[in-house]
């Protein structure tokens, strides 16, 4: 029984490593069957570890999502709430534009599993909520702006720039245009 659990852990790690490579190469639409073949396991094994494409994408991007959550916590309570929020949005934009498939992962709500909650978006929303509240209290953003709005904007920017020769630079340029609309300098 212990060998089986060790084997399951090895399979999980191998599937995740292959999935990271496949998502980097092909985006969020990477073939689950190709991931299984390359990892040397059956597609049922992939489904046992990752019951949906969304669950697999969440695992692939979990470290990046965690880093964004840590960054949000570090910035919360900063003296300049607008700068703190924009710093975090910049980090989210960098991650979303540089990690092929991450923007798709943030938009996977219920696409292949209606009962699935997008844990990536939930974690980011929880982490960035205090930053946004600080910025709203400081008058740096309108009170009706939500974290979901900001994630949607950044996701859209990342998807729109995915095939640009320099996606991160273009994404940050477009984020600057967006920020001018949601939080103009006074």
N, C-alpha and C. Protein backbone atom coordinates (compact mmCIF):
# COMPACT_ATOMS: atom_id res chain seq x y z
N UNK A 1 0.82 -1.19 0.00
CA UNK A 1 0.00 0.00 0.00
C UNK A 1 0.86 1.26 0.00
N UNK A 2 1.97 1.26 0.75
CA UNK A 2 2.86 2.41 0.77
C UNK A 2 3.48 2.62 -0.61
N UNK A 3 3.85 1.51 -1.28
CA UNK A 3 4.43 1.62 -2.61
C UNK A 3 3.43 2.25 -3.57
N UNK A 4 2.17 1.90 -3.41
CA UNK A 4 1.14 2.46 -4.28
C UNK A 4 1.03 3.97 -4.05
N UNK A 5 1.06 4.39 -2.80
CA UNK A 5 0.98 5.82 -2.53
C UNK A 5 2.21 6.54 -3.05
N UNK A 6 3.38 5.94 -2.90
CA UNK A 6 4.61 6.53 -3.44
C UNK A 6 4.52 6.61 -4.96
N UNK A 7 3.98 5.55 -5.57
CA UNK A 7 3.81 5.54 -7.02
C UNK A 7 2.82 6.63 -7.44
N UNK A 8 1.76 6.79 -6.68
CA UNK A 8 0.77 7.84 -6.99
C UNK A 8 1.41 9.22 -6.88
N UNK A 9 2.26 9.42 -5.87
CA UNK A 9 2.95 10.71 -5.71
C UNK A 9 3.90 10.96 -6.89
N UNK A 10 4.61 9.90 -7.31
CA UNK A 10 5.51 10.04 -8.47
C UNK A 10 4.70 10.36 -9.72
N UNK A 11 3.58 9.67 -9.91
CA UNK A 11 2.73 9.94 -11.08
C UNK A 11 2.24 11.38 -11.06
N UNK A 12 1.80 11.85 -9.90
CA UNK A 12 1.32 13.23 -9.78
C UNK A 12 2.42 14.21 -10.18
N UNK A 13 3.60 14.01 -9.62
CA UNK A 13 4.73 14.91 -9.91
C UNK A 13 5.10 14.86 -11.39
N UNK A 14 5.11 13.66 -11.97
CA UNK A 14 5.46 13.52 -13.39
C UNK A 14 4.40 14.17 -14.27
N UNK A 15 3.13 13.94 -13.95
CA UNK A 15 2.04 14.54 -14.73
C UNK A 15 2.12 16.06 -14.65
N UNK A 16 2.35 16.59 -13.45
CA UNK A 16 2.42 18.04 -13.27
C UNK A 16 3.60 18.63 -14.04
N UNK A 17 4.75 17.97 -13.99
CA UNK A 17 5.93 18.47 -14.72
C UNK A 17 5.67 18.49 -16.22
N UNK A 18 5.07 17.42 -16.74
CA UNK A 18 4.75 17.37 -18.17
C UNK A 18 3.69 18.42 -18.50
N UNK A 19 2.69 18.57 -17.65
CA UNK A 19 1.63 19.56 -17.88
C UNK A 19 2.21 20.96 -17.94
N UNK A 20 3.15 21.27 -17.07
CA UNK A 20 3.79 22.60 -17.09
C UNK A 20 4.45 22.85 -18.44
N UNK A 21 5.16 21.85 -18.96
CA UNK A 21 5.82 21.98 -20.26
C UNK A 21 4.80 22.12 -21.39
N UNK A 22 3.77 21.30 -21.36
CA UNK A 22 2.75 21.33 -22.42
C UNK A 22 1.96 22.64 -22.41
N UNK A 23 1.62 23.12 -21.22
CA UNK A 23 0.88 24.39 -21.13
C UNK A 23 1.78 25.53 -21.59
N UNK A 24 3.05 25.49 -21.23
CA UNK A 24 3.98 26.53 -21.70
C UNK A 24 4.08 26.52 -23.22
N UNK A 25 4.03 25.35 -23.82
CA UNK A 25 4.16 25.24 -25.28
C UNK A 25 2.84 25.49 -26.01
N UNK A 26 1.73 25.05 -25.43
CA UNK A 26 0.46 25.08 -26.16
C UNK A 26 -0.65 25.87 -25.48
N UNK A 27 -0.38 26.46 -24.34
CA UNK A 27 -1.38 27.22 -23.63
C UNK A 27 -2.36 26.33 -22.89
N UNK A 28 -3.45 26.91 -22.46
CA UNK A 28 -4.43 26.21 -21.63
C UNK A 28 -5.13 25.08 -22.38
N UNK A 29 -5.03 25.07 -23.69
CA UNK A 29 -5.68 24.01 -24.47
C UNK A 29 -4.76 22.83 -24.71
N UNK A 30 -3.67 22.73 -23.96
CA UNK A 30 -2.75 21.60 -24.10
C UNK A 30 -3.55 20.30 -23.98
N UNK A 31 -3.20 19.35 -24.80
CA UNK A 31 -3.92 18.07 -24.85
C UNK A 31 -3.67 17.25 -23.59
N UNK A 32 -4.75 16.89 -22.91
CA UNK A 32 -4.63 16.03 -21.73
C UNK A 32 -4.14 14.65 -22.13
N UNK A 33 -4.52 14.19 -23.30
CA UNK A 33 -4.06 12.90 -23.78
C UNK A 33 -2.55 12.93 -24.04
N UNK A 34 -2.06 14.03 -24.62
CA UNK A 34 -0.62 14.17 -24.85
C UNK A 34 0.13 14.23 -23.53
N UNK A 35 -0.43 14.92 -22.56
CA UNK A 35 0.19 14.99 -21.24
C UNK A 35 0.30 13.58 -20.66
N UNK A 36 -0.77 12.80 -20.75
CA UNK A 36 -0.76 11.43 -20.24
C UNK A 36 0.30 10.59 -20.96
N UNK A 37 0.32 10.66 -22.29
CA UNK A 37 1.30 9.88 -23.06
C UNK A 37 2.73 10.24 -22.68
N UNK A 38 3.01 11.54 -22.64
CA UNK A 38 4.37 11.99 -22.34
C UNK A 38 4.77 11.62 -20.91
N UNK A 39 3.82 11.66 -19.99
CA UNK A 39 4.10 11.30 -18.60
C UNK A 39 4.18 9.79 -18.40
N UNK A 40 3.76 9.04 -19.42
CA UNK A 40 3.82 7.58 -19.34
C UNK A 40 2.73 6.98 -18.47
N UNK A 41 1.58 7.66 -18.44
CA UNK A 41 0.44 7.16 -17.67
C UNK A 41 -0.79 7.17 -18.56
N UNK A 42 -1.83 6.54 -18.10
CA UNK A 42 -3.09 6.55 -18.84
C UNK A 42 -3.87 7.82 -18.57
N UNK A 43 -4.78 8.12 -19.48
CA UNK A 43 -5.58 9.34 -19.29
C UNK A 43 -6.44 9.26 -18.03
N UNK A 44 -6.82 8.03 -17.62
CA UNK A 44 -7.59 7.88 -16.38
C UNK A 44 -6.76 8.29 -15.18
N UNK A 45 -5.47 8.04 -15.23
CA UNK A 45 -4.58 8.45 -14.13
C UNK A 45 -4.51 9.97 -14.05
N UNK A 46 -4.43 10.62 -15.21
CA UNK A 46 -4.43 12.08 -15.23
C UNK A 46 -5.74 12.59 -14.62
N UNK A 47 -6.86 12.00 -15.02
CA UNK A 47 -8.18 12.45 -14.53
C UNK A 47 -8.34 12.16 -13.03
N UNK A 48 -7.72 11.09 -12.55
CA UNK A 48 -7.81 10.78 -11.13
C UNK A 48 -7.12 11.87 -10.30
N UNK A 49 -5.97 12.33 -10.79
CA UNK A 49 -5.23 13.37 -10.08
C UNK A 49 -5.81 14.76 -10.33
N UNK A 50 -6.30 14.98 -11.54
CA UNK A 50 -6.82 16.29 -11.95
C UNK A 50 -8.16 16.06 -12.63
N UNK A 51 -9.26 16.13 -11.87
CA UNK A 51 -10.57 15.77 -12.42
C UNK A 51 -11.09 16.68 -13.52
N UNK A 52 -10.46 17.84 -13.70
CA UNK A 52 -10.89 18.75 -14.77
C UNK A 52 -9.68 19.49 -15.31
N UNK A 53 -9.84 20.07 -16.46
CA UNK A 53 -8.77 20.89 -17.03
C UNK A 53 -8.45 22.06 -16.09
N UNK A 54 -9.50 22.64 -15.50
CA UNK A 54 -9.31 23.73 -14.55
C UNK A 54 -8.45 23.32 -13.37
N UNK A 55 -8.67 22.13 -12.84
CA UNK A 55 -7.89 21.64 -11.71
C UNK A 55 -6.42 21.47 -12.10
N UNK A 56 -6.18 20.99 -13.31
CA UNK A 56 -4.81 20.84 -13.80
C UNK A 56 -4.14 22.20 -13.96
N UNK A 57 -4.85 23.15 -14.56
CA UNK A 57 -4.29 24.48 -14.75
C UNK A 57 -4.00 25.16 -13.40
N UNK A 58 -4.89 24.97 -12.43
CA UNK A 58 -4.65 25.53 -11.11
C UNK A 58 -3.36 24.98 -10.51
N UNK A 59 -3.15 23.69 -10.66
CA UNK A 59 -1.93 23.08 -10.14
C UNK A 59 -0.70 23.62 -10.87
N UNK A 60 -0.80 23.76 -12.18
CA UNK A 60 0.32 24.28 -12.97
C UNK A 60 0.70 25.69 -12.50
N UNK A 61 -0.28 26.50 -12.21
CA UNK A 61 -0.01 27.90 -11.87
C UNK A 61 -0.04 28.20 -10.37
N UNK A 62 -0.12 27.18 -9.54
CA UNK A 62 -0.27 27.41 -8.10
C UNK A 62 0.87 28.23 -7.50
N UNK A 63 2.11 27.98 -7.92
CA UNK A 63 3.22 28.76 -7.36
C UNK A 63 3.13 30.23 -7.75
N UNK A 64 2.77 30.49 -8.98
CA UNK A 64 2.62 31.89 -9.43
C UNK A 64 1.48 32.57 -8.68
N UNK A 65 0.38 31.86 -8.52
CA UNK A 65 -0.76 32.42 -7.80
C UNK A 65 -0.36 32.71 -6.35
N UNK A 66 0.33 31.78 -5.74
CA UNK A 66 0.77 31.97 -4.35
C UNK A 66 1.70 33.18 -4.24
N UNK A 67 2.61 33.34 -5.19
CA UNK A 67 3.52 34.50 -5.17
C UNK A 67 2.73 35.80 -5.28
N UNK A 68 1.69 35.83 -6.10
CA UNK A 68 0.86 37.03 -6.21
C UNK A 68 0.11 37.30 -4.91
N UNK A 69 -0.33 36.25 -4.24
CA UNK A 69 -1.02 36.42 -2.96
C UNK A 69 -0.06 36.97 -1.90
N UNK A 70 1.15 36.45 -1.88
CA UNK A 70 2.16 36.95 -0.94
C UNK A 70 2.46 38.41 -1.23
N UNK A 71 2.59 38.75 -2.49
CA UNK A 71 2.88 40.15 -2.86
C UNK A 71 1.75 41.06 -2.41
N UNK A 72 0.51 40.63 -2.59
CA UNK A 72 -0.64 41.44 -2.15
C UNK A 72 -0.58 41.67 -0.64
N UNK A 73 -0.24 40.64 0.11
CA UNK A 73 -0.15 40.78 1.57
C UNK A 73 0.96 41.75 1.95
N UNK A 74 2.08 41.69 1.24
CA UNK A 74 3.19 42.61 1.51
C UNK A 74 2.80 44.07 1.25
N UNK A 75 1.98 44.28 0.23
CA UNK A 75 1.61 45.64 -0.17
C UNK A 75 0.43 46.21 0.62
N UNK A 76 -0.36 45.35 1.23
CA UNK A 76 -1.53 45.82 1.97
C UNK A 76 -1.10 46.73 3.11
N UNK A 77 -1.78 47.85 3.23
CA UNK A 77 -1.48 48.80 4.29
C UNK A 77 -0.38 49.79 3.94
N UNK A 78 0.09 49.77 2.70
CA UNK A 78 1.14 50.71 2.27
C UNK A 78 0.61 52.15 2.37
N UNK A 79 1.51 53.06 2.59
CA UNK A 79 1.14 54.48 2.71
C UNK A 79 0.47 54.99 1.44
N UNK A 80 0.94 54.56 0.28
CA UNK A 80 0.36 54.98 -0.99
C UNK A 80 -0.46 53.81 -1.54
N UNK A 81 -1.75 53.80 -1.21
CA UNK A 81 -2.63 52.69 -1.58
C UNK A 81 -2.75 52.53 -3.09
N UNK A 82 -2.77 53.64 -3.83
CA UNK A 82 -2.85 53.57 -5.29
C UNK A 82 -1.61 52.90 -5.86
N UNK A 83 -0.44 53.32 -5.41
CA UNK A 83 0.83 52.73 -5.88
C UNK A 83 0.89 51.24 -5.53
N UNK A 84 0.42 50.89 -4.34
CA UNK A 84 0.43 49.48 -3.92
C UNK A 84 -0.45 48.64 -4.84
N UNK A 85 -1.67 49.12 -5.12
CA UNK A 85 -2.57 48.39 -6.00
C UNK A 85 -1.98 48.28 -7.41
N UNK A 86 -1.41 49.37 -7.90
CA UNK A 86 -0.83 49.34 -9.25
C UNK A 86 0.40 48.43 -9.30
N UNK A 87 1.17 48.37 -8.24
CA UNK A 87 2.31 47.45 -8.16
C UNK A 87 1.80 46.02 -8.30
N UNK A 88 0.75 45.70 -7.55
CA UNK A 88 0.20 44.34 -7.61
C UNK A 88 -0.40 44.03 -8.99
N UNK A 89 -1.12 44.99 -9.56
CA UNK A 89 -1.68 44.79 -10.91
C UNK A 89 -0.57 44.58 -11.93
N UNK A 90 0.53 45.30 -11.75
CA UNK A 90 1.69 45.11 -12.63
C UNK A 90 2.26 43.71 -12.51
N UNK A 91 2.35 43.21 -11.28
CA UNK A 91 2.85 41.85 -11.08
C UNK A 91 1.90 40.83 -11.69
N UNK A 92 0.60 41.02 -11.51
CA UNK A 92 -0.39 40.13 -12.11
C UNK A 92 -0.28 40.16 -13.63
N UNK A 93 -0.11 41.34 -14.19
CA UNK A 93 0.03 41.49 -15.64
C UNK A 93 1.28 40.78 -16.14
N UNK A 94 2.39 40.97 -15.45
CA UNK A 94 3.63 40.30 -15.84
C UNK A 94 3.44 38.79 -15.84
N UNK A 95 2.88 38.25 -14.76
CA UNK A 95 2.66 36.81 -14.69
C UNK A 95 1.72 36.33 -15.79
N UNK A 96 0.60 37.02 -15.94
CA UNK A 96 -0.41 36.58 -16.91
C UNK A 96 0.11 36.66 -18.35
N UNK A 97 0.92 37.68 -18.63
CA UNK A 97 1.43 37.85 -20.00
C UNK A 97 2.62 36.94 -20.29
N UNK A 98 3.37 36.58 -19.26
CA UNK A 98 4.58 35.79 -19.50
C UNK A 98 4.37 34.30 -19.35
N UNK A 99 3.31 33.90 -18.69
CA UNK A 99 3.05 32.47 -18.48
C UNK A 99 1.92 32.05 -19.41
N UNK A 100 2.30 31.50 -20.54
CA UNK A 100 1.30 31.11 -21.52
C UNK A 100 0.28 30.19 -20.87
N UNK A 101 -0.97 30.51 -21.05
CA UNK A 101 -2.05 29.71 -20.50
C UNK A 101 -2.59 30.22 -19.18
N UNK A 102 -1.84 31.09 -18.48
CA UNK A 102 -2.32 31.54 -17.18
C UNK A 102 -3.59 32.38 -17.33
N UNK A 103 -3.64 33.24 -18.32
CA UNK A 103 -4.85 34.05 -18.52
C UNK A 103 -6.04 33.13 -18.77
N UNK A 104 -5.83 32.09 -19.57
CA UNK A 104 -6.90 31.13 -19.80
C UNK A 104 -7.30 30.44 -18.50
N UNK A 105 -6.32 30.14 -17.66
CA UNK A 105 -6.62 29.48 -16.38
C UNK A 105 -7.52 30.36 -15.53
N UNK A 106 -7.33 31.66 -15.60
CA UNK A 106 -8.15 32.58 -14.81
C UNK A 106 -9.56 32.73 -15.38
N UNK A 107 -9.77 32.29 -16.62
CA UNK A 107 -11.09 32.41 -17.22
C UNK A 107 -11.82 31.07 -17.30
N UNK A 108 -11.28 30.04 -16.70
CA UNK A 108 -11.84 28.69 -16.84
C UNK A 108 -13.04 28.41 -15.94
N UNK A 109 -13.62 29.42 -15.32
CA UNK A 109 -14.75 29.20 -14.41
C UNK A 109 -15.84 28.36 -15.07
N UNK A 110 -15.97 27.13 -14.60
CA UNK A 110 -17.08 26.27 -15.00
C UNK A 110 -17.10 25.83 -16.44
N UNK A 111 -16.04 26.06 -17.21
CA UNK A 111 -16.09 25.73 -18.63
C UNK A 111 -16.17 24.23 -18.86
N UNK A 112 -15.44 23.43 -18.08
CA UNK A 112 -15.51 21.99 -18.29
C UNK A 112 -16.08 21.26 -17.07
N UNK A 113 -16.44 22.01 -16.05
CA UNK A 113 -17.03 21.42 -14.85
C UNK A 113 -17.87 22.50 -14.16
N UNK A 114 -19.19 22.48 -14.38
CA UNK A 114 -20.03 23.54 -13.84
C UNK A 114 -19.99 23.66 -12.32
N UNK A 115 -19.61 22.60 -11.62
CA UNK A 115 -19.55 22.64 -10.16
C UNK A 115 -18.19 23.13 -9.65
N UNK A 116 -17.26 23.35 -10.56
CA UNK A 116 -15.91 23.74 -10.18
C UNK A 116 -15.83 25.24 -9.94
N UNK A 117 -15.23 25.60 -8.82
CA UNK A 117 -14.98 27.00 -8.52
C UNK A 117 -13.53 27.26 -8.90
N UNK A 118 -13.26 28.36 -9.58
CA UNK A 118 -11.91 28.66 -10.02
C UNK A 118 -11.07 29.11 -8.82
N UNK A 119 -10.30 28.18 -8.30
CA UNK A 119 -9.50 28.45 -7.11
C UNK A 119 -8.47 29.55 -7.35
N UNK A 120 -7.93 29.63 -8.57
CA UNK A 120 -6.96 30.69 -8.89
C UNK A 120 -7.60 32.05 -8.66
N UNK A 121 -8.76 32.26 -9.24
CA UNK A 121 -9.45 33.54 -9.10
C UNK A 121 -9.88 33.80 -7.67
N UNK A 122 -10.33 32.76 -6.98
CA UNK A 122 -10.76 32.92 -5.59
C UNK A 122 -9.59 33.37 -4.72
N UNK A 123 -8.43 32.72 -4.91
CA UNK A 123 -7.24 33.09 -4.11
C UNK A 123 -6.80 34.52 -4.41
N UNK A 124 -6.76 34.87 -5.68
CA UNK A 124 -6.34 36.23 -6.05
C UNK A 124 -7.33 37.26 -5.52
N UNK A 125 -8.61 36.95 -5.60
CA UNK A 125 -9.63 37.88 -5.11
C UNK A 125 -9.47 38.11 -3.61
N UNK A 126 -9.28 37.04 -2.87
CA UNK A 126 -9.09 37.17 -1.43
C UNK A 126 -7.85 37.95 -1.07
N UNK A 127 -6.78 37.72 -1.82
CA UNK A 127 -5.51 38.40 -1.52
C UNK A 127 -5.54 39.87 -1.89
N UNK A 128 -6.15 40.20 -3.02
CA UNK A 128 -6.14 41.58 -3.50
C UNK A 128 -7.27 42.42 -2.93
N UNK A 129 -8.24 41.80 -2.31
CA UNK A 129 -9.36 42.54 -1.73
C UNK A 129 -8.93 43.67 -0.80
N UNK A 130 -8.05 43.39 0.17
CA UNK A 130 -7.60 44.47 1.06
C UNK A 130 -6.88 45.60 0.33
N UNK A 131 -6.10 45.26 -0.70
CA UNK A 131 -5.43 46.30 -1.50
C UNK A 131 -6.44 47.21 -2.17
N UNK A 132 -7.46 46.60 -2.75
CA UNK A 132 -8.48 47.39 -3.44
C UNK A 132 -9.28 48.23 -2.45
N UNK A 133 -9.61 47.64 -1.30
CA UNK A 133 -10.34 48.42 -0.28
C UNK A 133 -9.52 49.63 0.17
N UNK A 134 -8.21 49.42 0.39
CA UNK A 134 -7.32 50.54 0.77
C UNK A 134 -7.35 51.62 -0.31
N UNK A 135 -7.25 51.19 -1.57
CA UNK A 135 -7.23 52.14 -2.69
C UNK A 135 -8.56 52.88 -2.80
N UNK A 136 -9.67 52.19 -2.58
CA UNK A 136 -10.99 52.83 -2.64
C UNK A 136 -11.14 53.84 -1.50
N UNK A 137 -10.70 53.47 -0.28
CA UNK A 137 -10.77 54.39 0.86
C UNK A 137 -9.94 55.64 0.61
N UNK A 138 -8.82 55.46 -0.11
CA UNK A 138 -7.94 56.60 -0.40
C UNK A 138 -8.45 57.41 -1.59
N UNK A 139 -9.54 56.97 -2.21
CA UNK A 139 -10.08 57.68 -3.35
C UNK A 139 -9.30 57.43 -4.64
N UNK A 140 -8.47 56.40 -4.64
CA UNK A 140 -7.64 56.10 -5.81
C UNK A 140 -8.38 55.32 -6.89
N UNK A 141 -9.46 54.67 -6.52
CA UNK A 141 -10.32 53.98 -7.48
C UNK A 141 -11.76 54.22 -7.06
N UNK A 142 -12.65 54.10 -8.01
CA UNK A 142 -14.06 54.28 -7.68
C UNK A 142 -14.53 53.08 -6.85
N UNK A 143 -15.48 53.31 -5.96
CA UNK A 143 -15.90 52.25 -5.04
C UNK A 143 -16.56 51.05 -5.74
N UNK A 144 -17.02 51.22 -6.97
CA UNK A 144 -17.69 50.11 -7.64
C UNK A 144 -16.73 49.16 -8.36
N UNK A 145 -15.43 49.46 -8.38
CA UNK A 145 -14.45 48.56 -8.99
C UNK A 145 -14.26 47.37 -8.06
N UNK A 146 -14.28 46.16 -8.64
CA UNK A 146 -14.08 44.95 -7.85
C UNK A 146 -12.77 44.28 -8.26
N UNK A 147 -12.28 43.39 -7.41
CA UNK A 147 -11.09 42.62 -7.76
C UNK A 147 -11.39 41.78 -8.99
N UNK A 148 -12.59 41.22 -9.06
CA UNK A 148 -12.97 40.44 -10.25
C UNK A 148 -12.87 41.29 -11.51
N UNK A 149 -13.27 42.56 -11.42
CA UNK A 149 -13.13 43.47 -12.57
C UNK A 149 -11.67 43.58 -12.98
N UNK A 150 -10.80 43.78 -12.00
CA UNK A 150 -9.37 43.97 -12.28
C UNK A 150 -8.76 42.71 -12.87
N UNK A 151 -9.12 41.54 -12.32
CA UNK A 151 -8.60 40.28 -12.86
C UNK A 151 -9.10 40.08 -14.28
N UNK A 152 -10.36 40.41 -14.52
CA UNK A 152 -10.92 40.29 -15.88
C UNK A 152 -10.19 41.21 -16.85
N UNK A 153 -9.92 42.44 -16.44
CA UNK A 153 -9.18 43.37 -17.30
C UNK A 153 -7.78 42.85 -17.63
N UNK A 154 -7.07 42.41 -16.61
CA UNK A 154 -5.71 41.91 -16.84
C UNK A 154 -5.74 40.64 -17.68
N UNK A 155 -6.71 39.77 -17.42
CA UNK A 155 -6.84 38.55 -18.20
C UNK A 155 -7.09 38.88 -19.67
N UNK A 156 -8.00 39.81 -19.91
CA UNK A 156 -8.28 40.23 -21.28
C UNK A 156 -7.06 40.82 -21.96
N UNK A 157 -6.32 41.62 -21.24
CA UNK A 157 -5.08 42.21 -21.79
C UNK A 157 -4.09 41.10 -22.12
N UNK A 158 -3.91 40.15 -21.20
CA UNK A 158 -2.96 39.07 -21.45
C UNK A 158 -3.38 38.22 -22.65
N UNK A 159 -4.66 37.92 -22.76
CA UNK A 159 -5.13 37.15 -23.91
C UNK A 159 -4.96 37.93 -25.21
N UNK A 160 -5.22 39.23 -25.16
CA UNK A 160 -5.09 40.06 -26.37
C UNK A 160 -3.66 40.21 -26.83
N UNK A 161 -2.71 40.09 -25.92
CA UNK A 161 -1.31 40.31 -26.28
C UNK A 161 -0.51 39.02 -26.38
N UNK A 162 -1.16 37.89 -26.19
CA UNK A 162 -0.46 36.59 -26.15
C UNK A 162 0.43 36.34 -27.37
N UNK A 163 -0.02 36.77 -28.54
CA UNK A 163 0.74 36.50 -29.77
C UNK A 163 1.55 37.72 -30.24
N UNK A 164 1.60 38.74 -29.43
CA UNK A 164 2.40 39.93 -29.74
C UNK A 164 3.88 39.56 -29.64
N UNK A 165 4.75 40.18 -30.44
CA UNK A 165 6.19 39.85 -30.35
C UNK A 165 6.77 40.05 -28.94
N UNK A 166 6.25 41.02 -28.21
CA UNK A 166 6.71 41.25 -26.84
C UNK A 166 5.47 41.39 -25.95
N UNK A 167 4.85 40.24 -25.59
CA UNK A 167 3.57 40.30 -24.90
C UNK A 167 3.60 41.06 -23.58
N UNK A 168 4.64 40.91 -22.79
CA UNK A 168 4.68 41.58 -21.49
C UNK A 168 4.72 43.10 -21.64
N UNK A 169 5.54 43.59 -22.55
CA UNK A 169 5.64 45.03 -22.76
C UNK A 169 4.32 45.60 -23.26
N UNK A 170 3.72 44.92 -24.22
CA UNK A 170 2.44 45.39 -24.75
C UNK A 170 1.35 45.30 -23.69
N UNK A 171 1.36 44.25 -22.89
CA UNK A 171 0.37 44.10 -21.83
C UNK A 171 0.49 45.24 -20.81
N UNK A 172 1.72 45.60 -20.45
CA UNK A 172 1.91 46.71 -19.51
C UNK A 172 1.49 48.05 -20.12
N UNK A 173 1.72 48.22 -21.41
CA UNK A 173 1.26 49.45 -22.07
C UNK A 173 -0.25 49.54 -22.01
N UNK A 174 -0.93 48.44 -22.31
CA UNK A 174 -2.38 48.43 -22.27
C UNK A 174 -2.91 48.57 -20.84
N UNK A 175 -2.20 48.00 -19.88
CA UNK A 175 -2.60 48.18 -18.49
C UNK A 175 -2.52 49.66 -18.12
N UNK A 176 -1.48 50.34 -18.57
CA UNK A 176 -1.36 51.78 -18.31
C UNK A 176 -2.54 52.56 -18.86
N UNK A 177 -2.98 52.22 -20.06
CA UNK A 177 -4.16 52.87 -20.64
C UNK A 177 -5.41 52.58 -19.81
N UNK A 178 -5.52 51.35 -19.34
CA UNK A 178 -6.67 50.95 -18.52
C UNK A 178 -6.67 51.68 -17.19
N UNK A 179 -5.51 51.74 -16.56
CA UNK A 179 -5.41 52.41 -15.25
C UNK A 179 -5.80 53.87 -15.38
N UNK A 180 -5.42 54.50 -16.47
CA UNK A 180 -5.80 55.90 -16.66
C UNK A 180 -7.32 56.05 -16.65
N UNK A 181 -8.02 54.99 -17.05
CA UNK A 181 -9.48 55.03 -17.04
C UNK A 181 -10.09 54.73 -15.69
N UNK A 182 -9.47 53.80 -14.90
CA UNK A 182 -10.08 53.44 -13.62
C UNK A 182 -9.51 54.23 -12.44
N UNK A 183 -8.33 54.81 -12.61
CA UNK A 183 -7.72 55.52 -11.50
C UNK A 183 -6.84 56.65 -11.99
N UNK A 184 -7.48 57.67 -12.57
CA UNK A 184 -6.66 58.77 -13.09
C UNK A 184 -5.93 59.50 -11.96
N UNK A 185 -4.75 59.96 -12.25
CA UNK A 185 -4.00 60.73 -11.24
C UNK A 185 -4.74 62.03 -11.01
N UNK A 186 -4.67 62.50 -9.79
CA UNK A 186 -5.38 63.74 -9.45
C UNK A 186 -4.44 64.89 -9.39
